[in-house]
Amino acid sequence: MAGRTITRADLSNAICRQVNVSRAEAAELIDQIIEEIVSALERGEPVRLSSFGAFEVREKKERVGRNPKTGEEVPIDSRHVVTFRPSDVLKRAINKPRATGV
């Protein structure tokens, strides 16, 4: 399953080709989208992208963990984490059978 990682530059290039805008404009668009998603999550608002999935901020409570090397108990502070739940459309897309080039 090892493959190439899609980067911001790759997304910008795809937008540049498909929407016929400059690379700088496409890069700015990607940056604005990411900034808006981050801002909504900072405010505690869920972000739902139709046919893709939902991002939400959840709070993890303080707990006691264990150092795997020493077995020593270590306190883990409470914190916020971002979770992603894929849509059914995305799940179906990644699970559909692929043609093998063998």
N, C-alpha and C. Protein backbone atom coordinates (compact mmCIF):
# COMPACT_ATOMS: atom_id res chain seq x y z
N MET A 1 0.81 -1.19 0.00
CA MET A 1 0.00 0.00 0.00
C MET A 1 0.85 1.25 0.00
N ALA A 2 2.16 1.07 0.03
CA ALA A 2 3.02 2.25 0.00
C ALA A 2 2.79 3.01 -1.30
N GLY A 3 2.70 4.29 -1.18
CA GLY A 3 2.46 5.12 -2.36
C GLY A 3 2.98 6.51 -2.13
N ARG A 4 2.71 7.33 -3.08
CA ARG A 4 3.15 8.70 -3.03
C ARG A 4 2.23 9.50 -2.13
N THR A 5 2.78 10.45 -1.40
CA THR A 5 2.00 11.34 -0.55
C THR A 5 1.54 12.54 -1.37
N ILE A 6 0.26 12.87 -1.26
CA ILE A 6 -0.27 14.05 -1.94
C ILE A 6 0.05 15.27 -1.08
N THR A 7 0.62 16.28 -1.69
CA THR A 7 1.04 17.49 -0.97
C THR A 7 0.17 18.68 -1.37
N ARG A 8 0.37 19.79 -0.68
CA ARG A 8 -0.32 21.03 -1.05
C ARG A 8 0.02 21.41 -2.49
N ALA A 9 1.28 21.22 -2.86
CA ALA A 9 1.69 21.56 -4.23
C ALA A 9 0.93 20.71 -5.24
N ASP A 10 0.74 19.42 -4.94
CA ASP A 10 -0.02 18.55 -5.83
C ASP A 10 -1.47 19.03 -5.97
N LEU A 11 -2.07 19.39 -4.85
CA LEU A 11 -3.44 19.91 -4.89
C LEU A 11 -3.50 21.21 -5.70
N SER A 12 -2.54 22.08 -5.47
CA SER A 12 -2.49 23.35 -6.21
C SER A 12 -2.35 23.11 -7.70
N ASN A 13 -1.49 22.18 -8.07
CA ASN A 13 -1.30 21.87 -9.50
C ASN A 13 -2.58 21.31 -10.11
N ALA A 14 -3.28 20.48 -9.38
CA ALA A 14 -4.53 19.90 -9.89
C ALA A 14 -5.58 21.00 -10.10
N ILE A 15 -5.69 21.91 -9.13
CA ILE A 15 -6.63 23.02 -9.27
C ILE A 15 -6.23 23.91 -10.43
N CYS A 16 -4.94 24.17 -10.53
CA CYS A 16 -4.41 25.01 -11.61
C CYS A 16 -4.82 24.46 -12.97
N ARG A 17 -4.67 23.16 -13.16
CA ARG A 17 -5.01 22.52 -14.43
C ARG A 17 -6.52 22.48 -14.68
N GLN A 18 -7.29 22.12 -13.66
CA GLN A 18 -8.72 21.88 -13.86
C GLN A 18 -9.57 23.15 -13.86
N VAL A 19 -9.12 24.19 -13.14
CA VAL A 19 -9.92 25.40 -13.04
C VAL A 19 -9.33 26.54 -13.87
N ASN A 20 -8.15 26.29 -14.40
CA ASN A 20 -7.48 27.27 -15.26
C ASN A 20 -7.19 28.58 -14.52
N VAL A 21 -6.53 28.45 -13.36
CA VAL A 21 -6.06 29.62 -12.63
C VAL A 21 -4.55 29.47 -12.48
N SER A 22 -3.90 30.55 -12.08
CA SER A 22 -2.45 30.49 -11.92
C SER A 22 -2.09 29.60 -10.73
N ARG A 23 -0.84 29.15 -10.71
CA ARG A 23 -0.38 28.33 -9.57
C ARG A 23 -0.47 29.10 -8.27
N ALA A 24 -0.14 30.38 -8.30
CA ALA A 24 -0.19 31.20 -7.09
C ALA A 24 -1.63 31.32 -6.58
N GLU A 25 -2.58 31.52 -7.50
CA GLU A 25 -3.98 31.61 -7.10
C GLU A 25 -4.48 30.27 -6.54
N ALA A 26 -4.08 29.18 -7.15
CA ALA A 26 -4.48 27.86 -6.69
C ALA A 26 -3.89 27.59 -5.30
N ALA A 27 -2.63 27.94 -5.09
CA ALA A 27 -1.99 27.74 -3.79
C ALA A 27 -2.68 28.58 -2.73
N GLU A 28 -3.04 29.81 -3.06
CA GLU A 28 -3.74 30.69 -2.12
C GLU A 28 -5.11 30.11 -1.77
N LEU A 29 -5.79 29.55 -2.75
CA LEU A 29 -7.09 28.93 -2.52
C LEU A 29 -6.97 27.76 -1.54
N ILE A 30 -5.99 26.90 -1.76
CA ILE A 30 -5.75 25.77 -0.85
C ILE A 30 -5.47 26.29 0.56
N ASP A 31 -4.61 27.29 0.67
CA ASP A 31 -4.28 27.86 1.99
C ASP A 31 -5.53 28.41 2.68
N GLN A 32 -6.39 29.09 1.94
CA GLN A 32 -7.60 29.67 2.52
C GLN A 32 -8.56 28.58 2.99
N ILE A 33 -8.68 27.50 2.23
CA ILE A 33 -9.55 26.40 2.62
C ILE A 33 -9.04 25.77 3.92
N ILE A 34 -7.75 25.49 3.97
CA ILE A 34 -7.17 24.88 5.17
C ILE A 34 -7.31 25.81 6.36
N GLU A 35 -7.07 27.10 6.15
CA GLU A 35 -7.21 28.08 7.22
C GLU A 35 -8.64 28.12 7.77
N GLU A 36 -9.62 28.04 6.89
CA GLU A 36 -11.02 28.06 7.32
C GLU A 36 -11.37 26.80 8.12
N ILE A 37 -10.87 25.66 7.68
CA ILE A 37 -11.11 24.40 8.41
C ILE A 37 -10.48 24.48 9.81
N VAL A 38 -9.23 24.93 9.88
CA VAL A 38 -8.54 25.04 11.16
C VAL A 38 -9.27 26.03 12.08
N SER A 39 -9.69 27.16 11.56
CA SER A 39 -10.39 28.17 12.36
C SER A 39 -11.69 27.61 12.95
N ALA A 40 -12.44 26.87 12.14
CA ALA A 40 -13.69 26.27 12.62
C ALA A 40 -13.40 25.26 13.73
N LEU A 41 -12.37 24.45 13.55
CA LEU A 41 -12.03 23.46 14.57
C LEU A 41 -11.55 24.13 15.86
N GLU A 42 -10.80 25.23 15.73
CA GLU A 42 -10.36 25.98 16.91
C GLU A 42 -11.55 26.51 17.70
N ARG A 43 -12.62 26.87 16.99
CA ARG A 43 -13.83 27.37 17.65
C ARG A 43 -14.68 26.22 18.21
N GLY A 44 -14.27 24.98 17.95
CA GLY A 44 -15.01 23.82 18.43
C GLY A 44 -16.14 23.40 17.52
N GLU A 45 -16.17 23.95 16.31
CA GLU A 45 -17.23 23.61 15.36
C GLU A 45 -16.81 22.40 14.52
N PRO A 46 -17.72 21.46 14.29
CA PRO A 46 -17.38 20.35 13.40
C PRO A 46 -17.32 20.84 11.96
N VAL A 47 -16.51 20.18 11.15
CA VAL A 47 -16.39 20.52 9.73
C VAL A 47 -16.86 19.30 8.95
N ARG A 48 -17.93 19.47 8.17
CA ARG A 48 -18.46 18.37 7.38
C ARG A 48 -18.33 18.70 5.90
N LEU A 49 -17.64 17.84 5.18
CA LEU A 49 -17.46 18.01 3.75
C LEU A 49 -18.23 16.90 3.05
N SER A 50 -19.30 17.29 2.38
CA SER A 50 -20.18 16.33 1.72
C SER A 50 -19.39 15.39 0.82
N SER A 51 -19.70 14.12 0.87
CA SER A 51 -19.06 13.06 0.08
C SER A 51 -17.60 12.82 0.46
N PHE A 52 -17.13 13.44 1.52
CA PHE A 52 -15.75 13.23 1.97
C PHE A 52 -15.73 12.75 3.41
N GLY A 53 -16.19 13.58 4.35
CA GLY A 53 -16.20 13.16 5.74
C GLY A 53 -16.34 14.34 6.68
N ALA A 54 -16.14 14.05 7.97
CA ALA A 54 -16.32 15.07 8.99
C ALA A 54 -15.11 15.10 9.92
N PHE A 55 -14.68 16.31 10.25
CA PHE A 55 -13.62 16.54 11.22
C PHE A 55 -14.29 17.08 12.48
N GLU A 56 -13.89 16.58 13.63
CA GLU A 56 -14.43 17.08 14.89
C GLU A 56 -13.32 17.15 15.93
N VAL A 57 -13.48 18.06 16.89
CA VAL A 57 -12.54 18.16 18.00
C VAL A 57 -13.17 17.44 19.18
N ARG A 58 -12.42 16.54 19.77
CA ARG A 58 -12.89 15.81 20.95
C ARG A 58 -11.92 16.07 22.09
N GLU A 59 -12.45 16.00 23.30
CA GLU A 59 -11.60 16.19 24.47
C GLU A 59 -11.26 14.82 25.05
N LYS A 60 -9.98 14.61 25.27
CA LYS A 60 -9.53 13.39 25.94
C LYS A 60 -9.25 13.76 27.38
N LYS A 61 -9.77 12.96 28.29
CA LYS A 61 -9.60 13.25 29.71
C LYS A 61 -8.20 12.88 30.18
N GLU A 62 -7.84 13.47 31.30
CA GLU A 62 -6.56 13.13 31.93
C GLU A 62 -6.59 11.66 32.32
N ARG A 63 -5.45 10.99 32.16
CA ARG A 63 -5.40 9.57 32.51
C ARG A 63 -3.97 9.20 32.89
N VAL A 64 -3.82 7.99 33.37
CA VAL A 64 -2.51 7.49 33.72
C VAL A 64 -2.06 6.54 32.63
N GLY A 65 -0.87 6.80 32.08
CA GLY A 65 -0.29 5.92 31.08
C GLY A 65 0.87 5.17 31.67
N ARG A 66 1.50 4.36 30.86
CA ARG A 66 2.62 3.57 31.34
C ARG A 66 3.75 3.64 30.33
N ASN A 67 4.96 3.90 30.81
CA ASN A 67 6.14 3.89 29.95
C ASN A 67 6.40 2.43 29.56
N PRO A 68 6.37 2.12 28.25
CA PRO A 68 6.51 0.72 27.85
C PRO A 68 7.88 0.12 28.16
N LYS A 69 8.91 0.95 28.24
CA LYS A 69 10.26 0.42 28.54
C LYS A 69 10.43 0.10 30.02
N THR A 70 9.99 1.05 30.86
CA THR A 70 10.26 0.89 32.29
C THR A 70 9.05 0.38 33.08
N GLY A 71 7.86 0.51 32.51
CA GLY A 71 6.65 0.13 33.23
C GLY A 71 6.20 1.19 34.21
N GLU A 72 6.93 2.30 34.28
CA GLU A 72 6.61 3.39 35.20
C GLU A 72 5.32 4.08 34.77
N GLU A 73 4.45 4.37 35.74
CA GLU A 73 3.22 5.10 35.46
C GLU A 73 3.53 6.57 35.21
N VAL A 74 2.89 7.12 34.20
CA VAL A 74 3.14 8.51 33.80
C VAL A 74 1.78 9.19 33.60
N PRO A 75 1.57 10.37 34.22
CA PRO A 75 0.30 11.05 34.00
C PRO A 75 0.24 11.64 32.59
N ILE A 76 -0.89 11.50 31.93
CA ILE A 76 -1.11 12.08 30.61
C ILE A 76 -2.18 13.15 30.78
N ASP A 77 -1.83 14.40 30.46
CA ASP A 77 -2.74 15.52 30.63
C ASP A 77 -3.94 15.41 29.71
N SER A 78 -5.03 16.09 30.10
CA SER A 78 -6.18 16.17 29.21
C SER A 78 -5.78 17.01 28.00
N ARG A 79 -6.40 16.73 26.88
CA ARG A 79 -6.06 17.46 25.66
C ARG A 79 -7.19 17.34 24.65
N HIS A 80 -7.11 18.16 23.63
CA HIS A 80 -8.07 18.10 22.53
C HIS A 80 -7.41 17.39 21.36
N VAL A 81 -8.20 16.56 20.68
CA VAL A 81 -7.70 15.85 19.50
C VAL A 81 -8.69 16.05 18.36
N VAL A 82 -8.18 16.01 17.15
CA VAL A 82 -9.04 16.11 15.97
C VAL A 82 -9.29 14.70 15.47
N THR A 83 -10.56 14.40 15.22
CA THR A 83 -10.91 13.09 14.67
C THR A 83 -11.51 13.29 13.28
N PHE A 84 -11.38 12.28 12.46
CA PHE A 84 -11.96 12.31 11.12
C PHE A 84 -12.82 11.08 10.95
N ARG A 85 -14.04 11.30 10.49
CA ARG A 85 -14.94 10.19 10.20
C ARG A 85 -15.29 10.26 8.71
N PRO A 86 -14.84 9.28 7.92
CA PRO A 86 -15.10 9.33 6.49
C PRO A 86 -16.58 9.12 6.18
N SER A 87 -17.02 9.72 5.08
CA SER A 87 -18.41 9.54 4.65
C SER A 87 -18.57 8.16 4.03
N ASP A 88 -19.80 7.73 3.88
CA ASP A 88 -20.07 6.44 3.23
C ASP A 88 -19.59 6.47 1.77
N VAL A 89 -19.71 7.63 1.12
CA VAL A 89 -19.25 7.75 -0.26
C VAL A 89 -17.74 7.50 -0.34
N LEU A 90 -16.98 8.08 0.57
CA LEU A 90 -15.53 7.88 0.59
C LEU A 90 -15.19 6.43 0.91
N LYS A 91 -15.88 5.85 1.88
CA LYS A 91 -15.63 4.44 2.23
C LYS A 91 -15.86 3.53 1.03
N ARG A 92 -16.95 3.76 0.31
CA ARG A 92 -17.22 2.93 -0.88
C ARG A 92 -16.16 3.13 -1.95
N ALA A 93 -15.71 4.37 -2.12
CA ALA A 93 -14.72 4.66 -3.16
C ALA A 93 -13.40 3.96 -2.88
N ILE A 94 -12.96 3.93 -1.62
CA ILE A 94 -11.67 3.31 -1.34
C ILE A 94 -11.75 1.80 -1.21
N ASN A 95 -12.98 1.27 -1.10
CA ASN A 95 -13.13 -0.18 -0.97
C ASN A 95 -13.61 -0.87 -2.23
N LYS A 96 -13.83 -0.11 -3.31
CA LYS A 96 -14.28 -0.77 -4.53
C LYS A 96 -13.12 -1.56 -5.14
N PRO A 97 -13.42 -2.67 -5.79
CA PRO A 97 -12.36 -3.49 -6.37
C PRO A 97 -11.58 -2.70 -7.43
N ARG A 98 -10.27 -2.90 -7.42
CA ARG A 98 -9.39 -2.22 -8.38
C ARG A 98 -8.91 -3.24 -9.40
N ALA A 99 -8.73 -2.77 -10.62
CA ALA A 99 -8.17 -3.63 -11.66
C ALA A 99 -6.69 -3.82 -11.37
N THR A 100 -6.23 -5.04 -11.41
CA THR A 100 -4.81 -5.30 -11.17
C THR A 100 -4.10 -5.38 -12.50
N GLY A 101 -2.95 -4.77 -12.58
CA GLY A 101 -2.18 -4.73 -13.82
C GLY A 101 -1.18 -5.86 -13.91
N VAL A 102 -1.52 -7.05 -13.42
CA VAL A 102 -0.58 -8.17 -13.40
C VAL A 102 -0.62 -8.92 -14.68
